[in-house]
C-alpha atoms as a PDB file:
ATOM      1  CA  MET A   1       0.000   0.000   0.000  1.00  0.00           C
ATOM      2  CA  ASN A   2       2.843   2.341   0.861  1.00  0.00           C
ATOM      3  CA  LEU A   3       4.368   1.698  -2.568  1.00  0.00           C
ATOM      4  CA  LYS A   4       1.112   2.714  -4.321  1.00  0.00           C
ATOM      5  CA  VAL A   5       1.009   6.051  -2.475  1.00  0.00           C
ATOM      6  CA  ILE A   6       4.646   6.796  -3.314  1.00  0.00           C
ATOM      7  CA  THR A   7       4.176   5.832  -6.966  1.00  0.00           C
ATOM      8  CA  THR A   8       1.028   7.966  -7.286  1.00  0.00           C
ATOM      9  CA  ALA A   9       2.730  10.928  -5.663  1.00  0.00           C
ATOM     10  CA  ALA A  10       5.745  10.555  -7.943  1.00  0.00           C
ATOM     11  CA  LEU A  11       3.522  10.413 -11.038  1.00  0.00           C
ATOM     12  CA  LEU A  12       1.650  13.546  -9.918  1.00  0.00           C
ATOM     13  CA  VAL A  13       4.901  15.437  -9.368  1.00  0.00           C
ATOM     14  CA  LEU A  14       6.307  14.338 -12.733  1.00  0.00           C
ATOM     15  CA  GLY A  15       3.051  15.219 -14.517  1.00  0.00           C
ATOM     16  CA  SER A  16       2.925  18.650 -12.909  1.00  0.00           C
ATOM     17  CA  ALA A  17       6.566  19.334 -13.762  1.00  0.00           C
ATOM     18  CA  SER A  18       6.013  18.222 -17.343  1.00  0.00           C
ATOM     19  CA  THR A  19       2.941  20.463 -17.705  1.00  0.00           C
ATOM     20  CA  ALA A  20       4.772  23.455 -16.218  1.00  0.00           C
ATOM     21  CA  ALA A  21       7.741  22.923 -18.539  1.00  0.00           C
ATOM     22  CA  SER A  22       5.418  22.749 -21.560  1.00  0.00           C
ATOM     23  CA  LEU A  23       3.692  25.972 -20.595  1.00  0.00           C
ATOM     24  CA  LEU A  24       6.979  27.781 -20.039  1.00  0.00           C
ATOM     25  CA  ALA A  25       8.382  26.564 -23.344  1.00  0.00           C
ATOM     26  CA  ALA A  26       5.231  27.607 -25.215  1.00  0.00           C
ATOM     27  CA  ASP A  27       5.253  31.028 -23.540  1.00  0.00           C
ATOM     28  CA  GLY A  28       8.850  31.649 -24.522  1.00  0.00           C
ATOM     29  CA  ALA A  29       8.194  30.573 -28.117  1.00  0.00           C
ATOM     30  CA  THR A  30       5.526  33.225 -28.676  1.00  0.00           C
ATOM     31  CA  PRO A  31       7.048  36.223 -30.454  1.00  0.00           C
ATOM     32  CA  PRO A  32       6.415  39.610 -28.868  1.00  0.00           C
ATOM     33  CA  PRO A  33       3.842  41.842 -30.566  1.00  0.00           C
ATOM     34  CA  PRO A  34       5.232  44.349 -33.052  1.00  0.00           C
ATOM     35  CA  PRO A  35       5.840  47.864 -31.713  1.00  0.00           C
ATOM     36  CA  PRO A  36       3.231  50.497 -32.551  1.00  0.00           C
ATOM     37  CA  PRO A  37       4.102  52.744 -35.495  1.00  0.00           C
ATOM     38  CA  ALA A  38       5.889  55.966 -34.629  1.00  0.00           C
ATOM     39  CA  GLN A  39       3.880  59.160 -34.780  1.00  0.00           C
ATOM     40  CA  GLY A  40       3.672  60.519 -38.244  1.00  0.00           C
ATOM     41  CA  GLN A  41       4.113  57.083 -39.775  1.00  0.00           C
ATOM     42  CA  GLY A  42       1.529  55.159 -41.687  1.00  0.00           C
ATOM     43  CA  GLN A  43      -1.529  56.550 -43.336  1.00  0.00           C
ATOM     44  CA  GLY A  44      -4.092  57.545 -40.807  1.00  0.00           C
ATOM     45  CA  PRO A  45      -7.189  59.698 -40.994  1.00  0.00           C
ATOM     46  CA  GLY A  46      -6.901  63.134 -42.497  1.00  0.00           C
ATOM     47  CA  GLY A  47      -4.634  62.005 -45.321  1.00  0.00           C
ATOM     48  CA  GLY A  48      -4.581  63.675 -48.685  1.00  0.00           C
ATOM     49  CA  PRO A  49      -2.683  66.419 -50.400  1.00  0.00           C
ATOM     50  CA  GLY A  50      -3.070  68.728 -47.417  1.00  0.00           C
ATOM     51  CA  GLY A  51      -1.647  66.109 -45.068  1.00  0.00           C
ATOM     52  CA  GLY A  52      -3.053  65.227 -41.686  1.00  0.00           C
ATOM     53  CA  ARG A  53      -2.264  63.384 -38.540  1.00  0.00           C
ATOM     54  CA  GLY A  54      -0.572  60.081 -39.152  1.00  0.00           C
ATOM     55  CA  MET A  55       0.459  60.829 -42.732  1.00  0.00           C
ATOM     56  CA  ASN A  56       4.179  60.408 -43.353  1.00  0.00           C
ATOM     57  CA  LEU A  57       6.258  62.130 -46.010  1.00  0.00           C
ATOM     58  CA  GLU A  58       5.975  59.316 -48.544  1.00  0.00           C
ATOM     59  CA  GLY A  59       2.224  59.073 -47.998  1.00  0.00           C
ATOM     60  CA  ARG A  60       1.689  62.794 -48.497  1.00  0.00           C
ATOM     61  CA  LEU A  61       3.794  62.864 -51.654  1.00  0.00           C
ATOM     62  CA  LYS A  62       1.905  59.850 -53.002  1.00  0.00           C
ATOM     63  CA  MET A  63      -1.451  61.468 -52.293  1.00  0.00           C
ATOM     64  CA  MET A  64      -0.299  64.733 -53.886  1.00  0.00           C
ATOM     65  CA  SER A  65       0.898  62.803 -56.911  1.00  0.00           C
ATOM     66  CA  GLU A  66      -2.414  60.954 -57.253  1.00  0.00           C
ATOM     67  CA  THR A  67      -4.665  63.912 -56.433  1.00  0.00           C
ATOM     68  CA  LEU A  68      -2.756  66.840 -57.920  1.00  0.00           C
ATOM     69  CA  GLY A  69      -0.519  65.126 -60.467  1.00  0.00           C
ATOM     70  CA  ILE A  70       2.767  66.517 -59.108  1.00  0.00           C
ATOM     71  CA  THR A  71       5.928  65.700 -61.043  1.00  0.00           C
ATOM     72  CA  GLU A  72       9.128  64.079 -59.780  1.00  0.00           C
ATOM     73  CA  ALA A  73      10.812  67.499 -59.829  1.00  0.00           C
ATOM     74  CA  GLN A  74       8.002  68.899 -57.676  1.00  0.00           C
ATOM     75  CA  LYS A  75       8.344  65.962 -55.279  1.00  0.00           C
ATOM     76  CA  THR A  76      12.033  66.780 -54.895  1.00  0.00           C
ATOM     77  CA  LYS A  77      11.251  70.415 -54.079  1.00  0.00           C
ATOM     78  CA  LEU A  78       8.301  69.599 -51.809  1.00  0.00           C
ATOM     79  CA  SER A  79      10.019  66.846 -49.780  1.00  0.00           C
ATOM     80  CA  PRO A  80      12.079  69.102 -47.460  1.00  0.00           C
ATOM     81  CA  ILE A  81       9.139  71.495 -46.989  1.00  0.00           C
ATOM     82  CA  ILE A  82       6.709  68.735 -46.031  1.00  0.00           C
ATOM     83  CA  ALA A  83       9.333  66.962 -43.893  1.00  0.00           C
ATOM     84  CA  ALA A  84       9.875  70.152 -41.879  1.00  0.00           C
ATOM     85  CA  GLU A  85       6.113  70.584 -41.412  1.00  0.00           C
ATOM     86  CA  ILE A  86       5.733  66.988 -40.242  1.00  0.00           C
ATOM     87  CA  LYS A  87       8.627  67.424 -37.806  1.00  0.00           C
ATOM     88  CA  GLU A  88       7.072  70.543 -36.288  1.00  0.00           C
ATOM     89  CA  MET A  89       3.711  68.775 -35.941  1.00  0.00           C
ATOM     90  CA  GLN A  90       5.309  65.751 -34.267  1.00  0.00           C
ATOM     91  CA  GLU A  91       7.191  67.945 -31.801  1.00  0.00           C
ATOM     92  CA  LEU A  92       3.993  69.803 -30.991  1.00  0.00           C
ATOM     93  CA  ARG A  93       2.045  66.559 -30.420  1.00  0.00           C
ATOM     94  CA  GLN A  94       4.710  65.412 -27.963  1.00  0.00           C
ATOM     95  CA  ASN A  95       4.568  68.679 -26.000  1.00  0.00           C
ATOM     96  CA  ASP A  96       2.635  67.803 -22.848  1.00  0.00           C
ATOM     97  CA  ALA A  97       2.863  71.361 -21.506  1.00  0.00           C
ATOM     98  CA  LEU A  98       0.099  72.550 -23.849  1.00  0.00           C
ATOM     99  CA  ASP A  99      -3.571  71.734 -23.506  1.00  0.00           C
ATOM    100  CA  ARG A 100      -5.589  70.362 -26.415  1.00  0.00           C
ATOM    101  CA  LYS A 101      -6.957  73.747 -27.488  1.00  0.00           C
ATOM    102  CA  ALA A 102      -3.519  75.389 -27.503  1.00  0.00           C
ATOM    103  CA  LYS A 103      -2.087  72.487 -29.513  1.00  0.00           C
ATOM    104  CA  GLY A 104      -4.921  72.800 -32.012  1.00  0.00           C
ATOM    105  CA  GLU A 105      -4.288  76.503 -32.460  1.00  0.00           C
ATOM    106  CA  LYS A 106      -0.552  75.953 -32.923  1.00  0.00           C
ATOM    107  CA  MET A 107      -1.176  73.122 -35.410  1.00  0.00           C
ATOM    108  CA  LYS A 108      -3.401  75.407 -37.425  1.00  0.00           C
ATOM    109  CA  ALA A 109      -0.673  78.066 -37.381  1.00  0.00           C
ATOM    110  CA  ILE A 110       1.902  75.520 -38.579  1.00  0.00           C
ATOM    111  CA  ARG A 111      -0.381  74.420 -41.437  1.00  0.00           C
ATOM    112  CA  GLU A 112      -0.995  78.052 -42.403  1.00  0.00           C
ATOM    113  CA  ALA A 113       2.752  78.794 -42.343  1.00  0.00           C
ATOM    114  CA  TYR A 114       3.546  75.918 -44.699  1.00  0.00           C
ATOM    115  CA  LYS A 115       0.572  76.419 -47.025  1.00  0.00           C
ATOM    116  CA  PRO A 116       2.196  79.189 -49.139  1.00  0.00           C
ATOM    117  CA  LYS A 117       5.512  77.309 -49.262  1.00  0.00           C
ATOM    118  CA  ILE A 118       3.799  74.216 -50.648  1.00  0.00           C
ATOM    119  CA  ARG A 119       1.598  76.182 -53.052  1.00  0.00           C
ATOM    120  CA  ALA A 120       4.653  78.026 -54.415  1.00  0.00           C
ATOM    121  CA  GLU A 121       5.858  74.718 -55.889  1.00  0.00           C
ATOM    122  CA  LEU A 122       2.525  73.912 -57.576  1.00  0.00           C
ATOM    123  CA  THR A 123       1.120  75.027 -60.902  1.00  0.00           C
ATOM    124  CA  PRO A 124      -2.028  77.201 -60.894  1.00  0.00           C
ATOM    125  CA  GLU A 125      -4.061  74.145 -61.978  1.00  0.00           C
ATOM    126  CA  GLN A 126      -2.642  72.076 -59.097  1.00  0.00           C
ATOM    127  CA  VAL A 127      -3.397  74.875 -56.621  1.00  0.00           C
ATOM    128  CA  ALA A 128      -7.009  74.916 -57.866  1.00  0.00           C
ATOM    129  CA  LYS A 129      -7.239  71.131 -57.408  1.00  0.00           C
ATOM    130  CA  LEU A 130      -5.731  71.443 -53.920  1.00  0.00           C
ATOM    131  CA  GLU A 131      -8.203  74.158 -52.919  1.00  0.00           C
ATOM    132  CA  ALA A 132     -11.115  72.050 -54.203  1.00  0.00           C
ATOM    133  CA  TRP A 133      -9.806  69.035 -52.277  1.00  0.00           C
ATOM    134  CA  GLU A 134      -9.390  71.104 -49.081  1.00  0.00           C
ATOM    135  CA  LYS A 135     -12.944  72.416 -49.419  1.00  0.00           C
ATOM    136  CA  ASP A 136     -14.248  68.843 -49.593  1.00  0.00           C
ATOM    137  CA  HIS A 137     -11.918  67.649 -46.797  1.00  0.00           C
ATOM    138  CA  PRO A 138     -11.782  70.299 -44.048  1.00  0.00           C
ATOM    139  CA  MET A 139      -9.043  69.870 -41.451  1.00  0.00           C
ATOM    140  CA  GLY A 140     -10.201  68.335 -38.197  1.00  0.00           C
ATOM    141  CA  GLY A 141     -12.453  65.717 -39.777  1.00  0.00           C
ATOM    142  CA  PRO A 142     -16.193  66.187 -40.228  1.00  0.00           C
ATOM    143  CA  ARG A 143     -16.335  69.643 -38.591  1.00  0.00           C
ATOM    144  CA  GLY A 144     -16.323  72.840 -40.579  1.00  0.00           C
ATOM    145  CA  GLU A 145     -14.385  76.026 -39.902  1.00  0.00           C
ATOM    146  CA  ARG A 146     -16.446  77.046 -36.869  1.00  0.00           C
ATOM    147  CA  GLY A 147     -16.314  73.689 -35.108  1.00  0.00           C
ATOM    148  CA  GLU A 148     -19.724  72.590 -36.370  1.00  0.00           C
ATOM    149  CA  ARG A 149     -20.447  68.974 -37.090  1.00  0.00           C
ATOM    150  CA  LYS A 150     -21.921  68.070 -40.455  1.00  0.00           C
ATOM    151  CA  GLY A 151     -25.300  67.590 -38.773  1.00  0.00           C
ATOM    152  CA  GLY A 152     -25.199  71.228 -37.662  1.00  0.00           C
ATOM    153  CA  ASP A 153     -24.570  70.483 -33.976  1.00  0.00           C
ATOM    154  CA  LYS A 154     -21.891  72.640 -32.390  1.00  0.00           C
ATOM    155  CA  GLN A 155     -18.932  70.873 -30.866  1.00  0.00           C
ATOM    156  CA  LYS A 156     -18.919  70.959 -27.086  1.00  0.00           C
END
């Protein structure tokens, strides 16, 4: 009888150790999740020729090429301008000292500062296309200039 108890206990210990080892091995074999994309990378909402949060340099140039028909020479001239704008926007987003409203106002000022620099590299026809696109895609998503939602409700 004593031998049965010892054998059963030994089998339980071995089974538990085997199960624990399997779980640990399986846990270590699972690759970690990929890191989230850096700010300004990828193509998020607000993309298009005017840019927007989440749009990187390559994405903006691609959208401008598709929407406005910019040339390779224009891409070369626009790249440093757009890169500088993106950098300023990223730095502003990371500034925790400003509240949301102040950041929004500064972002608008940055966009307004770069608007003439970008337009200077476009043809009059491309500027007209850009203005039409901007009219159909106001900054800030579905709200208009005065913070109204498309349904007419004011933002609170």
